[in-house]
Amino acid sequence: MTNRVSYAPQDFQKMCKQAERDHESKKLVVLMERVKRQIAERENPGLKTEISKVVSTDSGFLRLPSRSAPFER
C-alpha cells in the first residue's frame, strides 16, 4: 500500500497561487533581460552582432509561453 498525501483545499490553493507567482517572476526576469539587451544594443551598435550570437543559442531557453497559450491551466 502506498500512502498518499492529501492536501487541504486551502493548502492546494496556496500552492497554486505560489506556483503562479513563481511563473510570473520568471517571465519578469526574462523580460528585464530582454530590455537590458535592447538598451545595450542601442548604446553600442557594434556589440549587436556579439550579443545576437549569444542570444541566438539561448533564445529557445528564454522564450516562455504567453498567458493565452492553450492548455496552460
C-alpha atoms as a PDB file:
ATOM      1  CA  MET A   1       0.000   0.000   0.000  1.00  0.00           C
ATOM      2  CA  THR A   2       1.157   3.487  -0.762  1.00  0.00           C
ATOM      3  CA  ASN A   3       0.452   6.400   1.487  1.00  0.00           C
ATOM      4  CA  ARG A   4      -0.812   9.391  -0.410  1.00  0.00           C
ATOM      5  CA  VAL A   5      -0.504  12.873   0.926  1.00  0.00           C
ATOM      6  CA  SER A   6      -3.771  14.707   0.615  1.00  0.00           C
ATOM      7  CA  TYR A   7      -3.553  18.443   0.939  1.00  0.00           C
ATOM      8  CA  ALA A   8      -6.306  20.523   2.406  1.00  0.00           C
ATOM      9  CA  PRO A   9      -8.148  22.651  -0.180  1.00  0.00           C
ATOM     10  CA  GLN A  10      -6.640  25.849   1.236  1.00  0.00           C
ATOM     11  CA  ASP A  11      -3.133  24.393   1.019  1.00  0.00           C
ATOM     12  CA  PHE A  12      -3.676  23.350  -2.583  1.00  0.00           C
ATOM     13  CA  GLN A  13      -4.942  26.826  -3.467  1.00  0.00           C
ATOM     14  CA  LYS A  14      -1.936  28.396  -1.746  1.00  0.00           C
ATOM     15  CA  MET A  15       0.400  26.092  -3.663  1.00  0.00           C
ATOM     16  CA  CYS A  16      -1.285  27.011  -6.958  1.00  0.00           C
ATOM     17  CA  LYS A  17      -1.013  30.726  -6.211  1.00  0.00           C
ATOM     18  CA  GLN A  18       2.648  30.352  -5.267  1.00  0.00           C
ATOM     19  CA  ALA A  19       3.357  28.450  -8.487  1.00  0.00           C
ATOM     20  CA  GLU A  20       1.654  31.191 -10.478  1.00  0.00           C
ATOM     21  CA  ARG A  21       3.722  33.862  -8.700  1.00  0.00           C
ATOM     22  CA  ASP A  22       6.898  31.901  -9.439  1.00  0.00           C
ATOM     23  CA  HIS A  23       5.954  31.629 -13.089  1.00  0.00           C
ATOM     24  CA  GLU A  24       5.196  35.355 -13.303  1.00  0.00           C
ATOM     25  CA  SER A  25       8.506  36.222 -11.640  1.00  0.00           C
ATOM     26  CA  LYS A  26      10.387  34.059 -14.172  1.00  0.00           C
ATOM     27  CA  LYS A  27       8.627  35.849 -17.001  1.00  0.00           C
ATOM     28  CA  LEU A  28       9.538  39.187 -15.419  1.00  0.00           C
ATOM     29  CA  VAL A  29      13.223  38.209 -15.200  1.00  0.00           C
ATOM     30  CA  VAL A  30      13.229  37.222 -18.884  1.00  0.00           C
ATOM     31  CA  LEU A  31      11.565  40.497 -19.834  1.00  0.00           C
ATOM     32  CA  MET A  32      14.085  42.505 -17.804  1.00  0.00           C
ATOM     33  CA  GLU A  33      16.996  40.703 -19.502  1.00  0.00           C
ATOM     34  CA  ARG A  34      15.488  41.405 -22.913  1.00  0.00           C
ATOM     35  CA  VAL A  35      15.118  45.107 -22.107  1.00  0.00           C
ATOM     36  CA  LYS A  36      18.697  45.289 -20.790  1.00  0.00           C
ATOM     37  CA  ARG A  37      19.935  43.674 -24.008  1.00  0.00           C
ATOM     38  CA  GLN A  38      17.946  46.114 -26.161  1.00  0.00           C
ATOM     39  CA  ILE A  39      19.331  49.085 -24.218  1.00  0.00           C
ATOM     40  CA  ALA A  40      22.874  47.764 -24.612  1.00  0.00           C
ATOM     41  CA  GLU A  41      22.319  47.308 -28.357  1.00  0.00           C
ATOM     42  CA  ARG A  42      21.087  50.898 -28.698  1.00  0.00           C
ATOM     43  CA  GLU A  43      24.004  52.331 -26.751  1.00  0.00           C
ATOM     44  CA  ASN A  44      26.657  50.207 -28.502  1.00  0.00           C
ATOM     45  CA  PRO A  45      25.563  49.209 -32.033  1.00  0.00           C
ATOM     46  CA  GLY A  46      28.914  47.425 -32.536  1.00  0.00           C
ATOM     47  CA  LEU A  47      28.058  44.921 -29.818  1.00  0.00           C
ATOM     48  CA  LYS A  48      24.836  43.925 -31.535  1.00  0.00           C
ATOM     49  CA  THR A  49      26.415  41.114 -33.530  1.00  0.00           C
ATOM     50  CA  GLU A  50      28.186  39.649 -30.498  1.00  0.00           C
ATOM     51  CA  ILE A  51      25.079  39.821 -28.318  1.00  0.00           C
ATOM     52  CA  SER A  52      22.834  38.346 -31.018  1.00  0.00           C
ATOM     53  CA  LYS A  53      25.184  35.349 -31.342  1.00  0.00           C
ATOM     54  CA  VAL A  54      24.892  34.620 -27.638  1.00  0.00           C
ATOM     55  CA  VAL A  55      21.139  35.165 -27.600  1.00  0.00           C
ATOM     56  CA  SER A  56      20.506  33.022 -30.664  1.00  0.00           C
ATOM     57  CA  THR A  57      21.903  29.975 -28.869  1.00  0.00           C
ATOM     58  CA  ASP A  58      19.780  30.614 -25.768  1.00  0.00           C
ATOM     59  CA  SER A  59      16.661  32.024 -27.433  1.00  0.00           C
ATOM     60  CA  GLY A  60      14.758  28.733 -27.102  1.00  0.00           C
ATOM     61  CA  PHE A  61      15.531  28.714 -23.401  1.00  0.00           C
ATOM     62  CA  LEU A  62      14.474  32.310 -22.796  1.00  0.00           C
ATOM     63  CA  ARG A  63      11.086  32.087 -24.505  1.00  0.00           C
ATOM     64  CA  LEU A  64       8.237  31.425 -22.120  1.00  0.00           C
ATOM     65  CA  PRO A  65       4.666  30.751 -23.224  1.00  0.00           C
ATOM     66  CA  SER A  66       2.243  33.611 -23.046  1.00  0.00           C
ATOM     67  CA  ARG A  67      -0.795  33.535 -20.785  1.00  0.00           C
ATOM     68  CA  SER A  68      -3.031  32.942 -23.807  1.00  0.00           C
ATOM     69  CA  ALA A  69      -1.283  29.672 -24.627  1.00  0.00           C
ATOM     70  CA  PRO A  70      -3.748  26.775 -24.801  1.00  0.00           C
ATOM     71  CA  PHE A  71      -3.633  24.126 -22.105  1.00  0.00           C
ATOM     72  CA  GLU A  72      -1.602  26.342 -19.779  1.00  0.00           C
ATOM     73  CA  ARG A  73      -4.013  25.981 -16.906  1.00  0.00           C
END
